Amino acid sequence: MKKEKTGEENQKQARQEIWASLPEGEVYHAPTTPDDFFNGISYDISPRQFGLRVRKHDMYCELGGPRHRYSSFFFIEVVEEAEKIEDGRVEVIGPEIKEIEGQSLPFGFWIRYYGKQLTEDYLDLLTRWTYFALEEGEGWMLLNTRDTIWLRLHKKTADKHDFKHLGQAMINLCKIQFPLVEKADAKILIATEELGGAKRTKGIIDNVCIPYWERVDEKASEFSDEDVDTFYGCTICQTFAPSHVCVVAPDRPPYCGIITWLGAKVMCDLDPYGYIFEMPLGECVDRWGGEYTGVNEKIHEKSNRSYKRVVMYSSITYPQTNCGCFETIIFYIPEVDGLGLVDRRYGGDTPLGMTFSTLAGLISGGLQNHGYCGISFRTPRSRKFIRADGGWQRVVWMPAEYKHTLTEFIPAEMYNKIATEQDCTDPEELKQFLKRVNHPVVALWKNGENPEPLKIPAPNTDWNQEEERKAREKGKKLLQ
């Protein structure tokens, strides 16, 4: 009897078919001998470049980002069959860099790695080291991850770059850093209208990337905080946010979206003196909110002693600092004593009267902004999502498209009680909406009519103990 294929095997076959079906491009064979790995690459790859921002008036070209509604992708996969990969092969589908000056185009980077000992447990590490070709590449601006990726190239260095050598840098930088990689290839798709534009890249995202990411994320979510005795910290963004420290726990992914707790563990095991480090838990101060003495001590040490506490599952009281890599923002709306969410894809106003980009500019830089917290797209899927603040029962507004993507994670009884831009963006209208649908936050209002906003302290300052107590009690009341 013929054995029926598993869902994972069907995904693998679909990926291979789509990979093979892409239009033919210009093929370049990158050096595969370590001594020659970087031959022909004329731009500098150095930590000094990390975190570069390229403003519109300085850019030579732009790839992905908001102009194309984040319909581009950076996809990395581990391939199990060596024969599927032609080592060093880089195929550029579409125009080269010198042909797209002044243009903004959707794109896709599809990188494949093989090694006899290589498994998907190493995927986060492979992703980070592949990204370094851009994050630390002279003249490149890289923001976000996965399918929210956004690249810009600076005018001053554009003459040093082409896509074939970028592909070479990506796969060979990963090889030299991680010897378990034996073979690698890449396809770089610059999706002009003739090549299908954003429609083609979105199709690859939906049929290749998302099924793969969801399966990998599901594996990572098998762990919970209670299963481990160590969390991990990350300080890679301190090049531009000097006091920022990110906490990575099984129930709390970093908001850049690049790694998981499992990936951080692998990276720390391989490089114990790198930017990923262990955070022993110590004593539990607040299991509900996620606060531990060991984590606080390590944060104080690694943040240049800039702040002392982090409550991991709160966006209101002592949230994690924000560097600027977050994919979504949680923000406090004092007029209704509730929380809103806004993601990078949404370009309109929030009930605060600000867009995502304006709000991101205000809270970035490594400060602890009480009431404002950056998160990953994956964070609202966590079983402990803003638990100290009241969880989903405290969320009152979010963009309709983002809400739709989280349908299965939003409690059914809350779904229609969370407003979107299609309902309102004005705080007074939002207040009336919440009353009409009998949102749980209305129970926090005086007589069910008058919200009593929290007295939120200035960034990097401490809460008044009485006010902190009130904030915690409100969160618990919503979840009773």
Protein backbone atom coordinates (compact mmCIF):
# COMPACT_ATOMS: atom_id res chain seq x y z
CA MET A 1 0.00 0.00 0.00
CA LYS A 2 1.31 3.44 -0.92
CA LYS A 3 2.23 5.47 2.13
CA GLU A 4 0.23 8.70 2.45
CA LYS A 5 2.30 11.86 2.59
CA THR A 6 2.37 13.93 5.76
CA GLY A 7 1.57 17.63 5.83
CA GLU A 8 5.27 18.38 6.22
CA GLU A 9 6.14 16.27 3.18
CA ASN A 10 3.45 18.00 1.13
CA GLN A 11 4.88 21.38 2.16
CA LYS A 12 8.36 20.27 1.16
CA GLN A 13 7.13 19.14 -2.27
CA ALA A 14 5.22 22.41 -2.77
CA ARG A 15 8.33 24.43 -1.91
CA GLN A 16 10.43 22.49 -4.37
CA GLU A 17 7.85 22.90 -7.13
CA ILE A 18 7.54 26.65 -6.59
CA TRP A 19 11.33 27.03 -6.38
CA ALA A 20 11.68 25.24 -9.72
CA SER A 21 8.81 27.17 -11.32
CA LEU A 22 10.28 30.65 -10.78
CA PRO A 23 11.32 32.49 -13.97
CA GLU A 24 14.87 31.94 -15.12
CA GLY A 25 17.38 34.58 -14.13
CA GLU A 26 21.09 35.27 -14.41
CA VAL A 27 23.07 32.53 -12.66
CA TYR A 28 26.26 33.32 -10.77
CA HIS A 29 28.49 30.68 -9.18
CA ALA A 30 29.87 32.01 -5.92
CA PRO A 31 33.21 30.66 -4.66
CA THR A 32 32.84 27.53 -2.52
CA THR A 33 36.42 27.36 -1.20
CA PRO A 34 36.76 29.13 2.17
CA ASP A 35 39.86 31.09 1.12
CA ASP A 36 37.85 32.55 -1.77
CA PHE A 37 34.48 33.05 -0.01
CA PHE A 38 34.57 36.84 -0.29
CA ASN A 39 36.43 37.29 -3.56
CA GLY A 40 34.81 40.00 -5.67
CA ILE A 41 32.87 41.57 -2.77
CA SER A 42 33.95 45.19 -2.65
CA TYR A 43 31.85 46.50 0.22
CA ASP A 44 32.65 46.36 3.91
CA ILE A 45 30.81 43.94 6.21
CA SER A 46 31.37 45.09 9.77
CA PRO A 47 29.52 45.59 13.08
CA ARG A 48 30.20 49.30 12.61
CA GLN A 49 27.48 49.31 9.94
CA PHE A 50 24.80 47.69 12.12
CA GLY A 51 21.58 49.65 12.54
CA LEU A 52 22.14 52.06 9.63
CA ARG A 53 19.10 54.15 8.70
CA VAL A 54 18.85 55.42 5.11
CA ARG A 55 16.52 58.38 4.67
CA LYS A 56 14.48 58.80 1.53
CA HIS A 57 16.61 61.61 0.12
CA ASP A 58 19.76 59.46 0.55
CA MET A 59 18.50 56.21 -0.92
CA TYR A 60 19.64 54.79 -4.24
CA CYS A 61 16.86 52.20 -4.33
CA GLU A 62 14.30 50.62 -2.03
CA LEU A 63 13.12 47.02 -1.74
CA GLY A 64 9.99 45.94 0.11
CA GLY A 65 8.61 47.97 2.99
CA PRO A 66 5.34 49.88 3.43
CA ARG A 67 5.07 51.15 -0.11
CA HIS A 68 4.26 47.61 -1.22
CA ARG A 69 2.27 46.79 1.92
CA TYR A 70 5.06 44.55 3.13
CA SER A 71 4.53 41.99 0.38
CA SER A 72 8.22 41.03 0.22
CA PHE A 73 10.02 38.19 1.98
CA PHE A 74 13.33 36.92 3.32
CA PHE A 75 12.93 33.15 3.46
CA ILE A 76 15.51 30.71 4.78
CA GLU A 77 15.00 26.96 4.86
CA VAL A 78 16.95 23.86 5.79
CA VAL A 79 16.98 21.26 3.01
CA GLU A 80 17.49 17.60 3.92
CA GLU A 81 18.65 16.29 0.53
CA ALA A 82 22.16 17.35 -0.56
CA GLU A 83 21.41 16.68 -4.22
CA LYS A 84 18.70 19.36 -4.22
CA ILE A 85 21.30 22.11 -3.76
CA GLU A 86 23.96 23.23 -6.24
CA ASP A 87 26.49 24.69 -3.85
CA GLY A 88 27.29 28.36 -4.43
CA ARG A 89 24.60 28.89 -7.04
CA VAL A 90 23.08 32.39 -6.88
CA GLU A 91 20.32 33.21 -9.35
CA VAL A 92 19.20 36.81 -9.80
CA ILE A 93 15.70 36.95 -11.26
CA GLY A 94 14.97 40.45 -12.48
CA PRO A 95 17.06 43.61 -12.80
CA GLU A 96 20.41 44.23 -11.14
CA ILE A 97 21.02 47.07 -8.69
CA LYS A 98 22.54 49.34 -11.36
CA GLU A 99 19.23 49.12 -13.29
CA ILE A 100 16.85 50.20 -10.50
CA GLU A 101 18.19 53.57 -9.37
CA GLY A 102 15.40 55.62 -7.77
CA GLN A 103 12.95 52.71 -7.84
CA SER A 104 11.00 50.94 -5.11
CA LEU A 105 10.19 47.30 -5.82
CA PRO A 106 8.87 44.22 -4.00
CA PHE A 107 11.40 41.42 -3.67
CA GLY A 108 12.11 37.95 -2.32
CA PHE A 109 15.33 36.43 -1.00
CA TRP A 110 15.08 32.63 -0.84
CA ILE A 111 18.12 31.00 0.77
CA ARG A 112 18.55 27.23 1.20
CA TYR A 113 21.10 25.45 3.41
CA TYR A 114 22.14 21.83 3.68
CA GLY A 115 24.37 19.95 6.15
CA LYS A 116 24.40 16.35 7.35
CA GLN A 117 24.03 17.57 10.95
CA LEU A 118 21.92 20.63 10.10
CA THR A 119 18.33 20.68 11.38
CA GLU A 120 15.58 23.26 11.71
CA ASP A 121 16.67 23.75 15.34
CA TYR A 122 19.43 25.92 13.86
CA LEU A 123 17.07 28.02 11.75
CA ASP A 124 17.17 31.12 13.98
CA LEU A 125 20.95 31.04 13.96
CA LEU A 126 21.08 30.62 10.18
CA THR A 127 18.67 33.52 9.80
CA ARG A 128 20.68 35.88 11.99
CA TRP A 129 24.00 35.13 10.27
CA THR A 130 22.46 35.42 6.81
CA TYR A 131 20.96 38.79 7.76
CA PHE A 132 24.40 40.05 8.78
CA ALA A 133 25.31 40.45 5.08
CA LEU A 134 22.76 43.29 5.06
CA GLU A 135 22.62 44.38 8.70
CA GLU A 136 26.39 44.83 8.74
CA GLY A 137 26.76 45.48 5.03
CA GLU A 138 28.07 48.90 4.05
CA GLY A 139 25.26 51.18 2.87
CA TRP A 140 22.34 48.81 3.50
CA MET A 141 19.40 49.55 5.76
CA LEU A 142 17.52 46.45 6.90
CA LEU A 143 14.36 46.67 8.96
CA ASN A 144 12.05 43.90 10.15
CA THR A 145 12.03 40.21 9.24
CA ARG A 146 10.23 37.51 7.33
CA ASP A 147 7.40 39.09 5.29
CA THR A 148 7.68 42.61 6.74
CA ILE A 149 11.20 43.10 5.41
CA TRP A 150 12.32 46.53 4.24
CA LEU A 151 15.62 47.40 2.55
CA ARG A 152 17.20 50.61 1.35
CA LEU A 153 20.62 51.19 -0.23
CA HIS A 154 22.53 54.43 0.28
CA LYS A 155 23.55 56.45 -2.77
CA LYS A 156 27.15 56.78 -1.58
CA THR A 157 27.82 53.06 -1.68
CA ALA A 158 25.52 51.86 -4.47
CA ASP A 159 28.39 51.49 -6.95
CA LYS A 160 29.94 48.81 -4.70
CA HIS A 161 26.90 46.56 -4.82
CA ASP A 162 25.13 44.06 -7.03
CA PHE A 163 22.69 41.30 -6.18
CA LYS A 164 24.90 38.40 -7.25
CA HIS A 165 27.61 39.39 -4.78
CA LEU A 166 24.98 40.06 -2.11
CA GLY A 167 23.82 36.46 -2.53
CA GLN A 168 27.45 35.34 -2.29
CA ALA A 169 27.93 37.34 0.91
CA MET A 170 24.77 35.95 2.50
CA ILE A 171 25.51 32.26 1.98
CA ASN A 172 29.27 32.42 2.53
CA LEU A 173 29.06 34.57 5.64
CA CYS A 174 26.78 31.92 7.11
CA LYS A 175 29.13 29.12 6.01
CA ILE A 176 32.21 30.67 7.56
CA GLN A 177 30.40 31.38 10.84
CA PHE A 178 28.68 27.99 11.03
CA PRO A 179 30.67 24.99 9.72
CA LEU A 180 27.65 22.67 9.90
CA VAL A 181 26.52 24.33 6.65
CA GLU A 182 27.98 22.23 3.83
CA LYS A 183 26.05 23.55 0.86
CA ALA A 184 23.95 26.63 0.11
CA ASP A 185 22.20 28.29 -2.79
CA ALA A 186 20.01 31.36 -3.28
CA LYS A 187 17.41 32.90 -5.52
CA ILE A 188 16.98 36.66 -5.48
CA LEU A 189 13.73 37.82 -7.03
CA ILE A 190 13.33 41.51 -7.84
CA ALA A 191 9.65 41.55 -8.65
CA THR A 192 9.09 44.07 -11.40
CA GLU A 193 5.62 44.27 -12.94
CA GLU A 194 6.86 42.09 -15.81
CA LEU A 195 7.74 39.40 -13.27
CA GLY A 196 4.41 39.59 -11.48
CA GLY A 197 5.20 42.31 -8.94
CA ALA A 198 3.78 42.09 -5.45
CA LYS A 199 1.19 39.55 -6.56
CA ARG A 200 3.94 37.00 -7.25
CA THR A 201 5.83 37.65 -4.01
CA LYS A 202 2.60 37.52 -2.00
CA GLY A 203 1.78 34.17 -3.59
CA ILE A 204 5.14 32.77 -2.46
CA ILE A 205 4.59 34.17 1.03
CA ASP A 206 1.17 32.52 1.31
CA ASN A 207 2.09 29.16 -0.22
CA VAL A 208 5.72 28.70 0.84
CA CYS A 209 6.82 30.98 3.66
CA ILE A 210 3.85 31.11 6.02
CA PRO A 211 3.24 27.31 6.16
CA TYR A 212 6.95 26.78 6.90
CA TRP A 213 7.12 29.52 9.53
CA GLU A 214 3.96 28.37 11.26
CA ARG A 215 5.27 24.82 11.55
CA VAL A 216 8.61 26.02 12.96
CA ASP A 217 6.86 28.42 15.36
CA GLU A 218 4.53 25.65 16.53
CA LYS A 219 7.54 23.55 17.46
CA ALA A 220 9.04 26.43 19.44
CA SER A 221 5.74 27.01 21.25
CA GLU A 222 5.81 23.50 22.70
CA PHE A 223 7.93 24.94 25.51
CA SER A 224 6.51 27.24 28.17
CA ASP A 225 8.26 29.36 30.79
CA GLU A 226 7.51 26.78 33.46
CA ASP A 227 9.44 24.13 31.54
CA VAL A 228 12.80 25.90 31.81
CA ASP A 229 15.05 27.44 34.43
CA THR A 230 16.86 29.92 32.17
CA PHE A 231 15.72 32.67 29.85
CA TYR A 232 18.01 34.44 27.39
CA GLY A 233 18.89 38.05 26.74
CA CYS A 234 19.94 39.82 23.56
CA THR A 235 21.86 43.09 23.20
CA ILE A 236 22.56 43.16 19.46
CA CYS A 237 20.60 46.40 19.02
CA GLN A 238 22.71 48.34 21.50
CA THR A 239 24.65 49.77 18.57
CA PHE A 240 21.78 52.24 18.14
CA ALA A 241 19.81 51.78 21.38
CA PRO A 242 22.56 51.67 24.03
CA SER A 243 20.44 50.69 27.03
CA HIS A 244 18.19 48.17 25.28
CA VAL A 245 18.07 44.56 26.48
CA CYS A 246 15.62 42.05 25.03
CA VAL A 247 14.34 39.15 27.12
CA VAL A 248 13.66 35.91 25.23
CA ALA A 249 11.46 33.35 27.01
CA PRO A 250 9.44 30.38 25.70
CA ASP A 251 6.21 32.37 26.08
CA ARG A 252 7.76 35.67 24.99
CA PRO A 253 9.47 35.94 21.60
CA PRO A 254 11.68 38.98 20.97
CA TYR A 255 9.81 41.64 19.07
CA CYS A 256 12.23 41.68 16.14
CA GLY A 257 10.69 38.30 15.28
CA ILE A 258 14.05 36.75 14.31
CA ILE A 259 14.59 34.21 17.08
CA THR A 260 12.70 32.06 19.57
CA TRP A 261 13.73 30.78 23.01
CA LEU A 262 14.84 27.53 21.39
CA GLY A 263 16.88 29.42 18.80
CA ALA A 264 18.43 31.64 21.47
CA LYS A 265 19.44 28.53 23.43
CA VAL A 266 21.17 27.05 20.39
CA MET A 267 22.95 30.34 19.64
CA CYS A 268 24.13 30.72 23.24
CA ASP A 269 25.35 27.13 23.39
CA LEU A 270 27.41 27.66 20.23
CA ASP A 271 28.68 31.14 21.15
CA PRO A 272 28.47 31.64 24.95
CA TYR A 273 30.37 34.94 24.76
CA GLY A 274 28.22 36.54 22.06
CA TYR A 275 25.35 39.00 22.16
CA ILE A 276 22.93 36.23 23.26
CA PHE A 277 23.45 35.33 26.92
CA GLU A 278 21.83 33.34 29.69
CA MET A 279 19.43 34.96 32.15
CA PRO A 280 19.09 32.71 35.22
CA LEU A 281 15.62 33.27 36.64
CA GLY A 282 16.49 33.67 40.31
CA GLU A 283 13.48 34.10 42.57
CA CYS A 284 10.02 34.72 41.15
CA VAL A 285 8.72 38.16 42.14
CA ASP A 286 5.49 37.97 40.13
CA ARG A 287 4.70 34.77 38.26
CA TRP A 288 1.53 36.26 36.79
CA GLY A 289 3.29 39.27 35.31
CA GLY A 290 6.56 37.49 34.63
CA GLU A 291 9.12 39.19 36.88
CA TYR A 292 12.20 37.45 38.28
CA THR A 293 15.11 38.68 40.42
CA GLY A 294 17.74 37.02 38.22
CA VAL A 295 16.31 38.55 35.04
CA ASN A 296 16.15 41.99 36.66
CA GLU A 297 19.77 41.74 37.84
CA LYS A 298 20.98 40.77 34.39
CA ILE A 299 18.94 43.55 32.76
CA HIS A 300 20.40 46.13 35.13
CA GLU A 301 23.91 44.91 34.34
CA LYS A 302 23.49 44.71 30.56
CA SER A 303 21.55 48.00 30.18
CA ASN A 304 24.50 50.02 31.44
CA ARG A 305 22.57 50.19 34.73
CA SER A 306 19.88 52.29 33.06
CA TYR A 307 16.86 50.43 34.43
CA LYS A 308 16.20 47.73 36.99
CA ARG A 309 12.94 45.93 36.31
CA VAL A 310 11.04 44.22 33.53
CA VAL A 311 7.58 42.71 33.85
CA MET A 312 7.56 40.53 30.76
CA TYR A 313 3.81 40.21 30.33
CA SER A 314 2.92 43.86 30.84
CA SER A 315 2.93 46.77 28.44
CA ILE A 316 1.93 49.20 31.19
CA THR A 317 4.08 48.59 34.29
CA TYR A 318 7.80 48.18 33.61
CA PRO A 319 7.55 46.82 30.05
CA GLN A 320 10.62 45.87 28.08
CA THR A 321 12.53 48.69 26.43
CA ASN A 322 12.02 49.43 22.74
CA CYS A 323 14.97 49.56 20.35
CA GLY A 324 13.06 50.09 17.10
CA CYS A 325 12.93 46.62 15.49
CA PHE A 326 9.44 45.81 16.72
CA GLU A 327 6.78 44.68 14.25
CA THR A 328 3.79 45.85 16.32
CA ILE A 329 3.18 48.38 19.11
CA ILE A 330 0.90 48.07 22.12
CA PHE A 331 -0.18 51.50 23.37
CA TYR A 332 -2.23 52.78 26.28
CA ILE A 333 -5.34 54.87 25.46
CA PRO A 334 -6.08 56.98 28.56
CA GLU A 335 -9.49 58.16 27.32
CA VAL A 336 -10.84 54.60 27.69
CA ASP A 337 -8.27 53.02 30.03
CA GLY A 338 -7.62 50.35 27.41
CA LEU A 339 -4.89 49.13 25.11
CA GLY A 340 -4.55 49.40 21.36
CA LEU A 341 -2.41 47.43 18.91
CA VAL A 342 -0.99 48.73 15.65
CA ASP A 343 1.27 46.87 13.20
CA ARG A 344 3.72 48.07 10.57
CA ARG A 345 1.37 47.27 7.70
CA TYR A 346 -1.27 49.75 8.87
CA GLY A 347 -0.65 53.27 7.56
CA GLY A 348 -3.60 55.16 9.07
CA ASP A 349 -4.16 56.92 12.37
CA THR A 350 -4.64 55.20 15.70
CA PRO A 351 -6.93 56.51 18.49
CA LEU A 352 -3.87 58.39 19.76
CA GLY A 353 -3.97 60.47 16.58
CA MET A 354 -0.64 58.99 15.43
CA THR A 355 0.43 56.51 12.77
CA PHE A 356 2.63 53.50 13.46
CA SER A 357 5.73 55.29 12.18
CA THR A 358 5.13 58.39 14.31
CA LEU A 359 4.48 56.32 17.40
CA ALA A 360 7.52 54.13 16.70
CA GLY A 361 9.71 57.21 16.44
CA LEU A 362 8.54 58.41 19.85
CA ILE A 363 9.19 55.18 21.75
CA SER A 364 12.36 53.85 20.04
CA GLY A 365 15.89 54.24 21.32
CA GLY A 366 16.09 51.94 24.33
CA LEU A 367 14.00 53.73 26.95
CA GLN A 368 11.47 51.99 29.16
CA ASN A 369 8.23 53.63 28.04
CA HIS A 370 5.49 52.66 30.49
CA GLY A 371 2.28 52.11 28.56
CA TYR A 372 4.04 51.55 25.22
CA CYS A 373 5.66 48.30 24.25
CA GLY A 374 6.99 46.93 20.99
CA ILE A 375 6.16 43.30 20.21
CA SER A 376 6.57 40.72 17.47
CA PHE A 377 3.72 39.73 15.17
CA ARG A 378 3.86 36.40 17.01
CA THR A 379 3.54 37.83 20.53
CA PRO A 380 -0.32 38.03 20.58
CA ARG A 381 -0.33 34.27 20.00
CA SER A 382 1.35 33.73 23.36
CA ARG A 383 -0.66 32.11 26.13
CA LYS A 384 0.62 34.91 28.41
CA PHE A 385 0.01 37.88 26.10
CA ILE A 386 -0.04 41.07 28.29
CA ARG A 387 -1.45 38.93 31.08
CA ALA A 388 -0.57 41.45 33.81
CA ASP A 389 -2.63 44.12 32.00
CA GLY A 390 -5.74 41.97 31.53
CA GLY A 391 -4.80 40.12 28.36
CA TRP A 392 -7.18 40.34 25.40
CA GLN A 393 -9.82 41.72 27.76
CA ARG A 394 -7.82 44.98 27.88
CA VAL A 395 -7.45 45.32 24.08
CA VAL A 396 -9.94 47.81 22.67
CA TRP A 397 -8.65 48.70 19.20
CA MET A 398 -6.50 47.30 16.38
CA PRO A 399 -6.34 47.51 12.57
CA ALA A 400 -8.88 45.29 10.82
CA GLU A 401 -6.33 43.43 8.69
CA TYR A 402 -4.14 42.60 11.69
CA LYS A 403 -7.18 41.55 13.69
CA HIS A 404 -8.19 39.18 10.91
CA THR A 405 -4.76 37.48 10.90
CA LEU A 406 -5.12 36.83 14.64
CA THR A 407 -8.69 35.50 14.52
CA GLU A 408 -7.87 32.08 15.96
CA PHE A 409 -5.90 33.59 18.85
CA ILE A 410 -8.40 36.23 19.96
CA PRO A 411 -10.97 34.78 22.40
CA ALA A 412 -14.24 34.30 20.52
CA GLU A 413 -16.20 36.36 23.04
CA MET A 414 -13.80 39.30 22.53
CA TYR A 415 -13.51 39.38 18.76
CA ASN A 416 -16.47 41.66 17.99
CA LYS A 417 -15.78 43.83 21.04
CA ILE A 418 -12.43 45.05 19.70
CA ALA A 419 -12.86 48.08 17.46
CA THR A 420 -10.93 48.66 14.23
CA GLU A 421 -10.35 51.69 12.02
CA GLN A 422 -13.55 50.67 10.23
CA ASP A 423 -15.45 51.40 13.45
CA CYS A 424 -13.61 54.45 14.74
CA THR A 425 -10.28 56.15 15.39
CA ASP A 426 -11.61 59.03 17.49
CA PRO A 427 -11.28 58.38 21.27
CA GLU A 428 -14.79 59.62 22.04
CA GLU A 429 -16.29 57.44 19.33
CA LEU A 430 -14.22 54.55 20.65
CA LYS A 431 -15.66 55.13 24.11
CA GLN A 432 -19.19 54.93 22.74
CA PHE A 433 -18.35 51.79 20.77
CA LEU A 434 -17.00 50.05 23.89
CA LYS A 435 -20.14 50.91 25.83
CA ARG A 436 -22.35 49.67 23.01
CA VAL A 437 -20.65 46.27 22.79
CA ASN A 438 -20.23 46.01 26.58
CA HIS A 439 -16.45 45.62 26.40
CA PRO A 440 -14.90 44.32 29.67
CA VAL A 441 -12.93 47.58 30.21
CA VAL A 442 -16.22 49.39 30.78
CA ALA A 443 -16.39 47.57 34.13
CA LEU A 444 -13.24 49.45 35.13
CA TRP A 445 -14.90 52.83 34.55
CA LYS A 446 -16.53 54.73 37.38
CA ASN A 447 -20.26 53.91 37.24
CA GLY A 448 -19.59 52.36 33.83
CA GLU A 449 -19.41 55.84 32.34
CA ASN A 450 -16.19 57.62 33.28
CA PRO A 451 -12.82 56.00 32.63
CA GLU A 452 -10.21 56.61 35.32
CA PRO A 453 -6.89 56.65 33.47
CA LEU A 454 -3.69 55.50 35.11
CA LYS A 455 -1.06 58.04 36.11
CA ILE A 456 1.69 56.65 33.94
CA PRO A 457 5.21 57.80 34.88
CA ALA A 458 7.75 59.29 32.51
CA PRO A 459 10.08 56.92 30.60
CA ASN A 460 12.83 55.26 32.66
CA THR A 461 11.30 56.37 35.96
CA ASP A 462 9.64 54.29 38.64
CA TRP A 463 5.95 53.89 39.28
CA ASN A 464 4.37 55.30 42.40
CA GLN A 465 3.72 52.15 44.43
CA GLU A 466 0.05 52.93 44.94
CA GLU A 467 -0.47 53.63 41.24
CA GLU A 468 1.36 50.43 40.32
CA ARG A 469 -0.91 48.51 42.68
CA LYS A 470 -3.98 50.03 40.98
CA ALA A 471 -2.65 49.11 37.56
CA ARG A 472 -2.06 45.50 38.61
CA GLU A 473 -5.47 45.22 40.22
CA LYS A 474 -7.18 46.42 37.05
CA GLY A 475 -5.42 43.75 35.02
CA LYS A 476 -6.40 41.00 37.44
CA LYS A 477 -9.99 42.21 37.65
CA LEU A 478 -10.42 41.83 33.89
CA LEU A 479 -9.28 38.21 34.02
CA GLN A 480 -11.33 37.11 37.02
